[in-house]
Amino acid sequence: MKKDINYYLNKSLFITATNTDVGKTYACEKFLRFFASKGFKVGYFKPCETGVVDLPIDGTKMLNITKELNPDFNVDINDVVPYQFKLPAAPWVAKENTFISLKIIKEKKKYLEQFCDVLIIEGAGGLMVPIEKNLFIIDLIKELNAQAILITPSKLGCINDTLLSINALKAKNIDFEFFINLYEDKDSFEKVSKPFLLDYFQKLNFLQDL
């Protein structure tokens, strides 16, 4: 983390990514365990989860981990994942005729913050995934007054994906940090992508180092 640990006290961190299947849920677990190890009471929030048949898989897993790390986080899965949809697609598509209320999401966030020192919020897909017609994940980060944690991949193409997402966050004046998830093309990453990223950013953060 680029700031002193106490900076994150009473903060909300929004875990987003360059695209889907980059490791947001894995990142959430890493950050939950990291802050818990520093003595923080942790909390978890996933405003929308799609691909839900019975229970939200990601949300349920993370809620169980959060309760293990912070027994005071005694909340219900419907508080943690207020919007659950069956179709595995962007929330705007999966919701069909449901209206996703920004007011309700903000109220749930405020409610969950009572039980923790730092709230880890998990997004859906990448920054430009639509929630409503004129509300995207990047807008939700801004509306929730959260710091963004951008998860980027290690595969070929990650330079383009990383820079595009960072430029989008800067354009919205959103405070952010980015972490590379070394999960794909790990061997070739050292030669193919890391030299430019290291030269461009000077220092790289890896999820696996948390």
Protein backbone atom coordinates (compact mmCIF):
# COMPACT_ATOMS: atom_id res chain seq x y z
CA MET A 1 0.00 0.00 0.00
CA LYS A 2 1.36 3.40 -0.94
CA LYS A 3 0.05 5.24 2.15
CA ASP A 4 0.53 4.82 5.89
CA ILE A 5 -1.81 2.11 7.18
CA ASN A 6 -3.72 4.54 9.40
CA TYR A 7 -4.78 6.48 6.29
CA TYR A 8 -7.21 3.65 5.49
CA LEU A 9 -9.00 3.80 8.84
CA ASN A 10 -12.71 4.56 8.30
CA LYS A 11 -12.23 4.39 4.54
CA SER A 12 -14.04 2.47 1.80
CA LEU A 13 -11.92 0.73 -0.82
CA PHE A 14 -13.64 -0.15 -4.08
CA ILE A 15 -12.07 -3.19 -5.75
CA THR A 16 -12.44 -2.81 -9.51
CA ALA A 17 -10.57 -4.23 -12.49
CA THR A 18 -9.66 -3.75 -16.12
CA ASN A 19 -12.25 -6.37 -17.10
CA THR A 20 -14.12 -9.44 -15.89
CA ASP A 21 -12.23 -12.51 -14.61
CA VAL A 22 -9.19 -10.49 -13.56
CA GLY A 23 -9.42 -11.43 -9.88
CA LYS A 24 -11.64 -8.97 -8.00
CA THR A 25 -13.00 -11.54 -5.53
CA TYR A 26 -9.51 -12.94 -4.94
CA ALA A 27 -8.32 -9.37 -4.38
CA CYS A 28 -11.13 -8.72 -1.90
CA GLU A 29 -10.03 -11.69 0.17
CA LYS A 30 -6.40 -10.54 0.06
CA PHE A 31 -7.34 -7.04 1.25
CA LEU A 32 -9.72 -8.33 3.92
CA ARG A 33 -6.99 -10.53 5.37
CA PHE A 34 -4.35 -7.81 4.99
CA PHE A 35 -6.29 -5.20 6.96
CA ALA A 36 -7.46 -7.74 9.54
CA SER A 37 -3.81 -8.67 10.14
CA LYS A 38 -3.14 -5.00 10.91
CA GLY A 39 -5.83 -4.95 13.59
CA PHE A 40 -8.62 -3.40 11.51
CA LYS A 41 -12.21 -4.56 11.81
CA VAL A 42 -13.07 -5.37 8.19
CA GLY A 43 -16.32 -5.29 6.26
CA TYR A 44 -17.43 -6.38 2.80
CA PHE A 45 -20.03 -5.04 0.34
CA LYS A 46 -20.96 -6.13 -3.19
CA PRO A 47 -23.79 -3.90 -4.46
CA CYS A 48 -24.63 -6.12 -7.45
CA GLU A 49 -23.91 -9.76 -8.20
CA THR A 50 -25.07 -11.47 -11.38
CA GLY A 51 -25.14 -15.17 -12.23
CA VAL A 52 -26.99 -15.89 -8.96
CA VAL A 53 -29.05 -19.08 -8.90
CA ASP A 54 -29.77 -19.68 -5.20
CA LEU A 55 -27.29 -17.59 -3.25
CA PRO A 56 -24.66 -15.15 -4.53
CA ILE A 57 -21.52 -17.32 -4.66
CA ASP A 58 -18.93 -14.54 -4.38
CA GLY A 59 -20.88 -12.52 -1.85
CA THR A 60 -21.57 -15.51 0.40
CA LYS A 61 -17.95 -16.66 0.34
CA MET A 62 -16.67 -13.18 1.18
CA LEU A 63 -19.28 -12.63 3.90
CA ASN A 64 -18.23 -15.87 5.61
CA ILE A 65 -14.57 -14.84 5.46
CA THR A 66 -15.42 -11.36 6.77
CA LYS A 67 -17.36 -12.76 9.71
CA GLU A 68 -14.44 -15.05 10.50
CA LEU A 69 -12.09 -12.05 10.54
CA ASN A 70 -14.55 -9.68 12.24
CA PRO A 71 -17.25 -11.36 14.37
CA ASP A 72 -18.86 -7.93 14.85
CA PHE A 73 -19.82 -7.91 11.16
CA ASN A 74 -23.07 -9.66 11.99
CA VAL A 75 -25.11 -8.80 8.90
CA ASP A 76 -27.25 -10.65 6.38
CA ILE A 77 -26.29 -11.65 2.82
CA ASN A 78 -29.06 -9.41 1.48
CA ASP A 79 -27.41 -6.43 3.17
CA VAL A 80 -24.04 -7.34 1.69
CA VAL A 81 -25.41 -8.08 -1.80
CA PRO A 82 -28.62 -6.04 -2.13
CA TYR A 83 -29.02 -6.63 -5.86
CA GLN A 84 -28.88 -10.24 -7.07
CA PHE A 85 -29.66 -11.30 -10.63
CA LYS A 86 -29.71 -14.67 -12.36
CA LEU A 87 -28.27 -13.79 -15.78
CA PRO A 88 -24.43 -13.68 -15.78
CA ALA A 89 -24.18 -10.34 -17.54
CA ALA A 90 -23.65 -6.64 -16.84
CA PRO A 91 -26.10 -5.46 -14.14
CA TRP A 92 -27.96 -3.22 -16.63
CA VAL A 93 -28.74 -6.29 -18.75
CA ALA A 94 -29.22 -8.81 -15.94
CA LYS A 95 -31.60 -6.61 -13.93
CA GLU A 96 -34.31 -6.70 -16.64
CA ASN A 97 -37.13 -4.51 -15.26
CA THR A 98 -35.59 -3.93 -11.83
CA PHE A 99 -34.43 -0.41 -11.05
CA ILE A 100 -31.05 -0.34 -9.29
CA SER A 101 -31.35 2.49 -6.77
CA LEU A 102 -28.21 4.47 -6.01
CA LYS A 103 -29.98 5.70 -2.86
CA ILE A 104 -30.43 2.13 -1.60
CA ILE A 105 -26.80 1.25 -2.37
CA LYS A 106 -25.62 4.31 -0.41
CA GLU A 107 -27.90 3.42 2.51
CA LYS A 108 -26.55 -0.15 2.59
CA LYS A 109 -22.99 1.14 2.53
CA LYS A 110 -23.68 3.49 5.45
CA TYR A 111 -25.32 0.64 7.38
CA LEU A 112 -22.39 -1.75 6.85
CA GLU A 113 -19.83 0.89 7.82
CA GLN A 114 -21.17 0.78 11.38
CA PHE A 115 -19.63 -2.66 11.88
CA CYS A 116 -16.11 -2.11 10.52
CA ASP A 117 -13.06 0.16 10.32
CA VAL A 118 -12.52 -0.38 6.60
CA LEU A 119 -15.15 -1.48 4.08
CA ILE A 120 -14.05 -3.47 1.05
CA ILE A 121 -16.49 -2.94 -1.84
CA GLU A 122 -16.43 -5.29 -4.83
CA GLY A 123 -17.50 -4.07 -8.24
CA ALA A 124 -18.80 -6.00 -11.24
CA GLY A 125 -16.61 -6.45 -14.31
CA GLY A 126 -14.55 -3.42 -15.38
CA LEU A 127 -14.91 0.32 -14.93
CA MET A 128 -17.33 0.90 -17.79
CA VAL A 129 -19.77 -1.89 -16.97
CA PRO A 130 -23.28 -0.35 -16.95
CA ILE A 131 -25.49 -0.50 -13.86
CA GLU A 132 -28.18 1.79 -15.22
CA LYS A 133 -28.20 3.51 -18.61
CA ASN A 134 -26.20 6.49 -17.36
CA LEU A 135 -24.55 4.91 -14.32
CA PHE A 136 -21.37 2.88 -14.74
CA ILE A 137 -19.10 1.18 -12.21
CA ILE A 138 -16.67 4.10 -12.40
CA ASP A 139 -19.53 6.46 -11.51
CA LEU A 140 -20.51 4.26 -8.57
CA ILE A 141 -16.97 4.53 -7.17
CA LYS A 142 -17.28 8.31 -7.29
CA GLU A 143 -20.80 8.32 -5.82
CA LEU A 144 -19.70 6.12 -2.91
CA ASN A 145 -16.75 8.40 -2.17
CA ALA A 146 -14.43 5.40 -2.21
CA GLN A 147 -10.80 4.96 -3.12
CA ALA A 148 -10.38 2.68 -6.11
CA ILE A 149 -8.14 -0.36 -6.06
CA LEU A 150 -7.63 -1.30 -9.71
CA ILE A 151 -6.74 -4.94 -10.34
CA THR A 152 -4.88 -5.50 -13.59
CA PRO A 153 -3.88 -8.77 -15.28
CA SER A 154 -0.43 -10.11 -16.08
CA LYS A 155 -1.41 -11.45 -19.50
CA LEU A 156 -0.42 -10.08 -22.89
CA GLY A 157 -2.36 -6.84 -23.44
CA CYS A 158 -2.19 -5.76 -19.81
CA ILE A 159 -0.23 -2.60 -20.68
CA ASN A 160 -3.08 -1.28 -22.82
CA ASP A 161 -5.77 -2.38 -20.35
CA THR A 162 -3.95 -0.88 -17.38
CA LEU A 163 -3.26 2.51 -18.98
CA LEU A 164 -6.79 2.86 -20.34
CA SER A 165 -8.33 2.15 -16.93
CA ILE A 166 -5.92 4.46 -15.10
CA ASN A 167 -6.65 7.28 -17.54
CA ALA A 168 -10.38 6.77 -16.98
CA LEU A 169 -9.93 7.00 -13.19
CA LYS A 170 -7.79 10.12 -13.51
CA ALA A 171 -10.38 11.75 -15.77
CA LYS A 172 -12.96 11.29 -12.98
CA ASN A 173 -10.52 12.54 -10.33
CA ILE A 174 -10.81 9.26 -8.43
CA ASP A 175 -8.02 8.42 -5.99
CA PHE A 176 -6.64 4.98 -6.81
CA GLU A 177 -3.90 2.42 -6.44
CA PHE A 178 -3.34 -0.47 -8.82
CA PHE A 179 -2.24 -4.03 -8.19
CA ILE A 180 -1.19 -6.63 -10.74
CA ASN A 181 -2.65 -10.11 -10.33
CA LEU A 182 0.04 -12.59 -11.40
CA TYR A 183 -2.31 -15.34 -12.49
CA GLU A 184 -2.03 -15.60 -16.29
CA ASP A 185 1.03 -15.58 -18.58
CA LYS A 186 3.13 -15.35 -15.41
CA ASP A 187 6.27 -16.66 -17.08
CA SER A 188 6.08 -14.41 -20.14
CA PHE A 189 5.03 -11.35 -18.07
CA GLU A 190 8.63 -10.83 -16.94
CA LYS A 191 9.78 -10.31 -20.53
CA VAL A 192 6.66 -9.16 -22.36
CA SER A 193 4.95 -6.63 -20.08
CA LYS A 194 6.90 -5.96 -16.90
CA PRO A 195 9.83 -4.02 -18.48
CA PHE A 196 7.55 -1.24 -19.78
CA LEU A 197 5.27 -1.15 -16.72
CA LEU A 198 8.23 -0.93 -14.35
CA ASP A 199 9.91 1.79 -16.41
CA TYR A 200 6.64 3.75 -16.73
CA PHE A 201 5.46 3.50 -13.11
CA GLN A 202 8.85 2.99 -11.37
CA LYS A 203 7.24 0.70 -8.78
CA LEU A 204 4.73 -2.12 -9.21
CA ASN A 205 2.39 -3.65 -6.65
CA PHE A 206 1.40 -7.31 -6.85
CA LEU A 207 -1.63 -8.88 -5.16
CA GLN A 208 0.45 -11.89 -4.25
CA ASP A 209 2.68 -9.69 -2.06
CA LEU A 210 -0.13 -8.55 0.23
